[in-house]
Amino acid sequence: MPDNPDYAIATADALTLLLHNQHALGAAIEEITKWLLDNGVESVAINAAGAMDALDTNAKALTDAIMRLRKC
């Protein structure tokens, strides 16, 4: 990565937008999971919960990367 503060800021800003998208997707999947459970589709709800776990894991990695870039 170039040693340029503007590059780091732009990258952190882009990652922040992706992180916001991940949070929005997670919220949507959570709502769908609740609907699935309420309507007796537990096996699909379990798969959706697994997708939320992946989003959470990736969100943590994005947050860490954003914080590292913002410290540059």
PDB file of N, CA and C in Angstrom:
ATOM      1  N   MET A   1       0.853  -1.168   0.000  1.00  0.00           N
ATOM      2  CA  MET A   1       0.000   0.000   0.000  1.00  0.00           C
ATOM      3  C   MET A   1       0.900   1.233   0.000  1.00  0.00           C
ATOM      4  N   PRO A   2       0.573   2.202  -0.824  1.00  0.00           N
ATOM      5  CA  PRO A   2       1.367   3.418  -0.826  1.00  0.00           C
ATOM      6  C   PRO A   2       1.350   4.093   0.541  1.00  0.00           C
ATOM      7  N   ASP A   3       2.471   4.730   0.877  1.00  0.00           N
ATOM      8  CA  ASP A   3       2.571   5.432   2.158  1.00  0.00           C
ATOM      9  C   ASP A   3       2.015   6.838   1.985  1.00  0.00           C
ATOM     10  N   ASN A   4       0.686   6.913   1.858  1.00  0.00           N
ATOM     11  CA  ASN A   4       0.007   8.161   1.568  1.00  0.00           C
ATOM     12  C   ASN A   4      -1.225   8.264   2.468  1.00  0.00           C
ATOM     13  N   PRO A   5      -1.277   9.282   3.331  1.00  0.00           N
ATOM     14  CA  PRO A   5      -2.431   9.408   4.241  1.00  0.00           C
ATOM     15  C   PRO A   5      -3.765   9.519   3.511  1.00  0.00           C
ATOM     16  N   ASP A   6      -3.790  10.192   2.353  1.00  0.00           N
ATOM     17  CA  ASP A   6      -5.040  10.313   1.594  1.00  0.00           C
ATOM     18  C   ASP A   6      -5.521   8.953   1.109  1.00  0.00           C
ATOM     19  N   TYR A   7      -4.577   8.104   0.712  1.00  0.00           N
ATOM     20  CA  TYR A   7      -4.921   6.750   0.263  1.00  0.00           C
ATOM     21  C   TYR A   7      -5.514   5.949   1.420  1.00  0.00           C
ATOM     22  N   ALA A   8      -4.900   6.063   2.594  1.00  0.00           N
ATOM     23  CA  ALA A   8      -5.393   5.339   3.767  1.00  0.00           C
ATOM     24  C   ALA A   8      -6.791   5.813   4.143  1.00  0.00           C
ATOM     25  N   ILE A   9      -7.021   7.125   4.099  1.00  0.00           N
ATOM     26  CA  ILE A   9      -8.339   7.668   4.444  1.00  0.00           C
ATOM     27  C   ILE A   9      -9.390   7.190   3.450  1.00  0.00           C
ATOM     28  N   ALA A  10      -9.068   7.241   2.169  1.00  0.00           N
ATOM     29  CA  ALA A  10     -10.018   6.798   1.142  1.00  0.00           C
ATOM     30  C   ALA A  10     -10.332   5.306   1.297  1.00  0.00           C
ATOM     31  N   THR A  11      -9.323   4.522   1.601  1.00  0.00           N
ATOM     32  CA  THR A  11      -9.528   3.090   1.795  1.00  0.00           C
ATOM     33  C   THR A  11     -10.381   2.842   3.032  1.00  0.00           C
ATOM     34  N   ALA A  12     -10.079   3.541   4.126  1.00  0.00           N
ATOM     35  CA  ALA A  12     -10.868   3.398   5.351  1.00  0.00           C
ATOM     36  C   ALA A  12     -12.316   3.822   5.113  1.00  0.00           C
ATOM     37  N   ASP A  13     -12.526   4.880   4.360  1.00  0.00           N
ATOM     38  CA  ASP A  13     -13.887   5.330   4.052  1.00  0.00           C
ATOM     39  C   ASP A  13     -14.645   4.275   3.254  1.00  0.00           C
ATOM     40  N   ALA A  14     -13.987   3.684   2.264  1.00  0.00           N
ATOM     41  CA  ALA A  14     -14.623   2.641   1.455  1.00  0.00           C
ATOM     42  C   ALA A  14     -14.954   1.415   2.311  1.00  0.00           C
ATOM     43  N   LEU A  15     -14.026   1.022   3.170  1.00  0.00           N
ATOM     44  CA  LEU A  15     -14.277  -0.115   4.051  1.00  0.00           C
ATOM     45  C   LEU A  15     -15.406   0.184   5.038  1.00  0.00           C
ATOM     46  N   THR A  16     -15.497   1.424   5.474  1.00  0.00           N
ATOM     47  CA  THR A  16     -16.576   1.809   6.382  1.00  0.00           C
ATOM     48  C   THR A  16     -17.934   1.651   5.691  1.00  0.00           C
ATOM     49  N   LEU A  17     -18.014   2.042   4.435  1.00  0.00           N
ATOM     50  CA  LEU A  17     -19.265   1.858   3.687  1.00  0.00           C
ATOM     51  C   LEU A  17     -19.601   0.376   3.548  1.00  0.00           C
ATOM     52  N   LEU A  18     -18.605  -0.444   3.275  1.00  0.00           N
ATOM     53  CA  LEU A  18     -18.839  -1.889   3.197  1.00  0.00           C
ATOM     54  C   LEU A  18     -19.304  -2.439   4.541  1.00  0.00           C
ATOM     55  N   LEU A  19     -18.733  -1.939   5.615  1.00  0.00           N
ATOM     56  CA  LEU A  19     -19.135  -2.377   6.949  1.00  0.00           C
ATOM     57  C   LEU A  19     -20.593  -1.999   7.219  1.00  0.00           C
ATOM     58  N   HIS A  20     -20.988  -0.791   6.827  1.00  0.00           N
ATOM     59  CA  HIS A  20     -22.390  -0.381   6.994  1.00  0.00           C
ATOM     60  C   HIS A  20     -23.315  -1.308   6.196  1.00  0.00           C
ATOM     61  N   ASN A  21     -22.878  -1.674   4.989  1.00  0.00           N
ATOM     62  CA  ASN A  21     -23.669  -2.609   4.180  1.00  0.00           C
ATOM     63  C   ASN A  21     -23.789  -3.953   4.880  1.00  0.00           C
ATOM     64  N   GLN A  22     -22.702  -4.419   5.490  1.00  0.00           N
ATOM     65  CA  GLN A  22     -22.743  -5.688   6.212  1.00  0.00           C
ATOM     66  C   GLN A  22     -23.731  -5.628   7.363  1.00  0.00           C
ATOM     67  N   HIS A  23     -23.742  -4.505   8.078  1.00  0.00           N
ATOM     68  CA  HIS A  23     -24.685  -4.366   9.189  1.00  0.00           C
ATOM     69  C   HIS A  23     -26.128  -4.382   8.676  1.00  0.00           C
ATOM     70  N   ALA A  24     -26.366  -3.721   7.551  1.00  0.00           N
ATOM     71  CA  ALA A  24     -27.715  -3.702   6.975  1.00  0.00           C
ATOM     72  C   ALA A  24     -28.128  -5.105   6.520  1.00  0.00           C
ATOM     73  N   LEU A  25     -27.222  -5.815   5.888  1.00  0.00           N
ATOM     74  CA  LEU A  25     -27.523  -7.185   5.466  1.00  0.00           C
ATOM     75  C   LEU A  25     -27.778  -8.076   6.678  1.00  0.00           C
ATOM     76  N   GLY A  26     -26.976  -7.906   7.709  1.00  0.00           N
ATOM     77  CA  GLY A  26     -27.177  -8.693   8.917  1.00  0.00           C
ATOM     78  C   GLY A  26     -28.546  -8.446   9.530  1.00  0.00           C
ATOM     79  N   ALA A  27     -28.968  -7.188   9.561  1.00  0.00           N
ATOM     80  CA  ALA A  27     -30.288  -6.854  10.107  1.00  0.00           C
ATOM     81  C   ALA A  27     -31.395  -7.484   9.264  1.00  0.00           C
ATOM     82  N   ALA A  28     -31.240  -7.441   7.952  1.00  0.00           N
ATOM     83  CA  ALA A  28     -32.242  -8.038   7.067  1.00  0.00           C
ATOM     84  C   ALA A  28     -32.300  -9.556   7.251  1.00  0.00           C
ATOM     85  N   ILE A  29     -31.137 -10.183   7.337  1.00  0.00           N
ATOM     86  CA  ILE A  29     -31.111 -11.639   7.537  1.00  0.00           C
ATOM     87  C   ILE A  29     -31.714 -12.001   8.886  1.00  0.00           C
ATOM     88  N   GLU A  30     -31.472 -11.174   9.886  1.00  0.00           N
ATOM     89  CA  GLU A  30     -32.050 -11.427  11.205  1.00  0.00           C
ATOM     90  C   GLU A  30     -33.577 -11.382  11.147  1.00  0.00           C
ATOM     91  N   GLU A  31     -34.123 -10.410  10.433  1.00  0.00           N
ATOM     92  CA  GLU A  31     -35.579 -10.320  10.291  1.00  0.00           C
ATOM     93  C   GLU A  31     -36.131 -11.528   9.542  1.00  0.00           C
ATOM     94  N   ILE A  32     -35.444 -11.925   8.494  1.00  0.00           N
ATOM     95  CA  ILE A  32     -35.886 -13.096   7.717  1.00  0.00           C
ATOM     96  C   ILE A  32     -35.805 -14.355   8.571  1.00  0.00           C
ATOM     97  N   THR A  33     -34.730 -14.470   9.355  1.00  0.00           N
ATOM     98  CA  THR A  33     -34.575 -15.627  10.232  1.00  0.00           C
ATOM     99  C   THR A  33     -35.722 -15.714  11.224  1.00  0.00           C
ATOM    100  N   LYS A  34     -36.086 -14.572  11.803  1.00  0.00           N
ATOM    101  CA  LYS A  34     -37.216 -14.552  12.744  1.00  0.00           C
ATOM    102  C   LYS A  34     -38.497 -14.992  12.048  1.00  0.00           C
ATOM    103  N   TRP A  35     -38.728 -14.502  10.848  1.00  0.00           N
ATOM    104  CA  TRP A  35     -39.929 -14.878  10.100  1.00  0.00           C
ATOM    105  C   TRP A  35     -39.922 -16.379   9.818  1.00  0.00           C
ATOM    106  N   LEU A  36     -38.765 -16.900   9.415  1.00  0.00           N
ATOM    107  CA  LEU A  36     -38.666 -18.331   9.133  1.00  0.00           C
ATOM    108  C   LEU A  36     -38.989 -19.160  10.371  1.00  0.00           C
ATOM    109  N   LEU A  37     -38.435 -18.766  11.512  1.00  0.00           N
ATOM    110  CA  LEU A  37     -38.709 -19.489  12.762  1.00  0.00           C
ATOM    111  C   LEU A  37     -40.185 -19.418  13.129  1.00  0.00           C
ATOM    112  N   ASP A  38     -40.779 -18.234  12.957  1.00  0.00           N
ATOM    113  CA  ASP A  38     -42.200 -18.058  13.285  1.00  0.00           C
ATOM    114  C   ASP A  38     -43.109 -18.865  12.368  1.00  0.00           C
ATOM    115  N   ASN A  39     -42.606 -19.210  11.178  1.00  0.00           N
ATOM    116  CA  ASN A  39     -43.416 -19.928  10.199  1.00  0.00           C
ATOM    117  C   ASN A  39     -42.982 -21.374  10.023  1.00  0.00           C
ATOM    118  N   GLY A  40     -42.229 -21.889  10.978  1.00  0.00           N
ATOM    119  CA  GLY A  40     -41.909 -23.306  11.005  1.00  0.00           C
ATOM    120  C   GLY A  40     -40.873 -23.788  10.010  1.00  0.00           C
ATOM    121  N   VAL A  41     -40.017 -22.905   9.561  1.00  0.00           N
ATOM    122  CA  VAL A  41     -38.979 -23.298   8.608  1.00  0.00           C
ATOM    123  C   VAL A  41     -37.631 -23.241   9.326  1.00  0.00           C
ATOM    124  N   GLU A  42     -37.511 -24.056  10.356  1.00  0.00           N
ATOM    125  CA  GLU A  42     -36.350 -23.987  11.243  1.00  0.00           C
ATOM    126  C   GLU A  42     -35.043 -24.326  10.540  1.00  0.00           C
ATOM    127  N   SER A  43     -35.058 -25.304   9.626  1.00  0.00           N
ATOM    128  CA  SER A  43     -33.802 -25.703   8.964  1.00  0.00           C
ATOM    129  C   SER A  43     -33.216 -24.556   8.145  1.00  0.00           C
ATOM    130  N   VAL A  44     -34.063 -23.793   7.489  1.00  0.00           N
ATOM    131  CA  VAL A  44     -33.581 -22.645   6.714  1.00  0.00           C
ATOM    132  C   VAL A  44     -33.147 -21.531   7.654  1.00  0.00           C
ATOM    133  N   ALA A  45     -33.849 -21.369   8.753  1.00  0.00           N
ATOM    134  CA  ALA A  45     -33.481 -20.350   9.739  1.00  0.00           C
ATOM    135  C   ALA A  45     -32.101 -20.632  10.315  1.00  0.00           C
ATOM    136  N   ILE A  46     -31.797 -21.886  10.519  1.00  0.00           N
ATOM    137  CA  ILE A  46     -30.464 -22.254  11.034  1.00  0.00           C
ATOM    138  C   ILE A  46     -29.386 -21.861  10.031  1.00  0.00           C
ATOM    139  N   ASN A  47     -29.643 -22.090   8.751  1.00  0.00           N
ATOM    140  CA  ASN A  47     -28.683 -21.683   7.711  1.00  0.00           C
ATOM    141  C   ASN A  47     -28.526 -20.167   7.676  1.00  0.00           C
ATOM    142  N   ALA A  48     -29.625 -19.451   7.832  1.00  0.00           N
ATOM    143  CA  ALA A  48     -29.566 -17.988   7.847  1.00  0.00           C
ATOM    144  C   ALA A  48     -28.764 -17.501   9.046  1.00  0.00           C
ATOM    145  N   ALA A  49     -28.928 -18.159  10.182  1.00  0.00           N
ATOM    146  CA  ALA A  49     -28.158 -17.788  11.372  1.00  0.00           C
ATOM    147  C   ALA A  49     -26.667 -18.005  11.121  1.00  0.00           C
ATOM    148  N   GLY A  50     -26.325 -19.048  10.381  1.00  0.00           N
ATOM    149  CA  GLY A  50     -24.923 -19.277  10.017  1.00  0.00           C
ATOM    150  C   GLY A  50     -24.374 -18.160   9.150  1.00  0.00           C
ATOM    151  N   ALA A  51     -25.209 -17.647   8.258  1.00  0.00           N
ATOM    152  CA  ALA A  51     -24.791 -16.515   7.423  1.00  0.00           C
ATOM    153  C   ALA A  51     -24.553 -15.285   8.280  1.00  0.00           C
ATOM    154  N   MET A  52     -25.382 -15.084   9.290  1.00  0.00           N
ATOM    155  CA  MET A  52     -25.186 -13.944  10.193  1.00  0.00           C
ATOM    156  C   MET A  52     -23.882 -14.081  10.969  1.00  0.00           C
ATOM    157  N   ASP A  53     -23.546 -15.304  11.346  1.00  0.00           N
ATOM    158  CA  ASP A  53     -22.269 -15.513  12.040  1.00  0.00           C
ATOM    159  C   ASP A  53     -21.095 -15.116  11.151  1.00  0.00           C
ATOM    160  N   ALA A  54     -21.168 -15.477   9.877  1.00  0.00           N
ATOM    161  CA  ALA A  54     -20.102 -15.109   8.936  1.00  0.00           C
ATOM    162  C   ALA A  54     -20.022 -13.591   8.782  1.00  0.00           C
ATOM    163  N   LEU A  55     -21.165 -12.934   8.691  1.00  0.00           N
ATOM    164  CA  LEU A  55     -21.174 -11.471   8.599  1.00  0.00           C
ATOM    165  C   LEU A  55     -20.542 -10.841   9.833  1.00  0.00           C
ATOM    166  N   ASP A  56     -20.850 -11.386  11.006  1.00  0.00           N
ATOM    167  CA  ASP A  56     -20.277 -10.853  12.244  1.00  0.00           C
ATOM    168  C   ASP A  56     -18.760 -11.011  12.271  1.00  0.00           C
ATOM    169  N   THR A  57     -18.290 -12.174  11.867  1.00  0.00           N
ATOM    170  CA  THR A  57     -16.843 -12.429  11.831  1.00  0.00           C
ATOM    171  C   THR A  57     -16.156 -11.473  10.868  1.00  0.00           C
ATOM    172  N   ASN A  58     -16.729 -11.325   9.688  1.00  0.00           N
ATOM    173  CA  ASN A  58     -16.133 -10.440   8.691  1.00  0.00           C
ATOM    174  C   ASN A  58     -16.238  -8.974   9.101  1.00  0.00           C
ATOM    175  N   ALA A  59     -17.295  -8.611   9.778  1.00  0.00           N
ATOM    176  CA  ALA A  59     -17.444  -7.234  10.255  1.00  0.00           C
ATOM    177  C   ALA A  59     -16.344  -6.898  11.249  1.00  0.00           C
ATOM    178  N   LYS A  60     -15.996  -7.849  12.092  1.00  0.00           N
ATOM    179  CA  LYS A  60     -14.911  -7.628  13.056  1.00  0.00           C
ATOM    180  C   LYS A  60     -13.603  -7.392  12.311  1.00  0.00           C
ATOM    181  N   ALA A  61     -13.321  -8.180  11.288  1.00  0.00           N
ATOM    182  CA  ALA A  61     -12.090  -8.003  10.512  1.00  0.00           C
ATOM    183  C   ALA A  61     -12.081  -6.657   9.792  1.00  0.00           C
ATOM    184  N   LEU A  62     -13.220  -6.255   9.244  1.00  0.00           N
ATOM    185  CA  LEU A  62     -13.304  -4.948   8.584  1.00  0.00           C
ATOM    186  C   LEU A  62     -13.080  -3.820   9.585  1.00  0.00           C
ATOM    187  N   THR A  63     -13.681  -3.943  10.751  1.00  0.00           N
ATOM    188  CA  THR A  63     -13.514  -2.915  11.779  1.00  0.00           C
ATOM    189  C   THR A  63     -12.043  -2.786  12.175  1.00  0.00           C
ATOM    190  N   ASP A  64     -11.378  -3.909  12.350  1.00  0.00           N
ATOM    191  CA  ASP A  64      -9.952  -3.881  12.701  1.00  0.00           C
ATOM    192  C   ASP A  64      -9.127  -3.206  11.602  1.00  0.00           C
ATOM    193  N   ALA A  65      -9.415  -3.523  10.347  1.00  0.00           N
ATOM    194  CA  ALA A  65      -8.686  -2.924   9.225  1.00  0.00           C
ATOM    195  C   ALA A  65      -8.937  -1.417   9.160  1.00  0.00           C
ATOM    196  N   ILE A  66     -10.176  -1.020   9.367  1.00  0.00           N
ATOM    197  CA  ILE A  66     -10.518   0.405   9.348  1.00  0.00           C
ATOM    198  C   ILE A  66      -9.756   1.142  10.445  1.00  0.00           C
ATOM    199  N   MET A  67      -9.721   0.561  11.627  1.00  0.00           N
ATOM    200  CA  MET A  67      -9.020   1.220  12.736  1.00  0.00           C
ATOM    201  C   MET A  67      -7.513   1.336  12.450  1.00  0.00           C
ATOM    202  N   ARG A  68      -6.921   0.318  11.855  1.00  0.00           N
ATOM    203  CA  ARG A  68      -5.507   0.389  11.509  1.00  0.00           C
ATOM    204  C   ARG A  68      -5.261   1.492  10.482  1.00  0.00           C
ATOM    205  N   LEU A  69      -6.120   1.591   9.480  1.00  0.00           N
ATOM    206  CA  LEU A  69      -5.946   2.615   8.451  1.00  0.00           C
ATOM    207  C   LEU A  69      -6.140   4.028   9.017  1.00  0.00           C
ATOM    208  N   ARG A  70      -7.075   4.179   9.922  1.00  0.00           N
ATOM    209  CA  ARG A  70      -7.345   5.502  10.483  1.00  0.00           C
ATOM    210  C   ARG A  70      -6.213   5.986  11.397  1.00  0.00           C
ATOM    211  N   LYS A  71      -5.385   5.067  11.883  1.00  0.00           N
ATOM    212  CA  LYS A  71      -4.261   5.449  12.740  1.00  0.00           C
ATOM    213  C   LYS A  71      -3.051   5.917  11.920  1.00  0.00           C
ATOM    214  N   CYS A  72      -3.083   5.688  10.622  1.00  0.00           N
ATOM    215  CA  CYS A  72      -1.958   6.114   9.750  1.00  0.00           C
ATOM    216  C   CYS A  72      -1.858   7.614   9.648  1.00  0.00           C
TER     217      CYS A  72
END
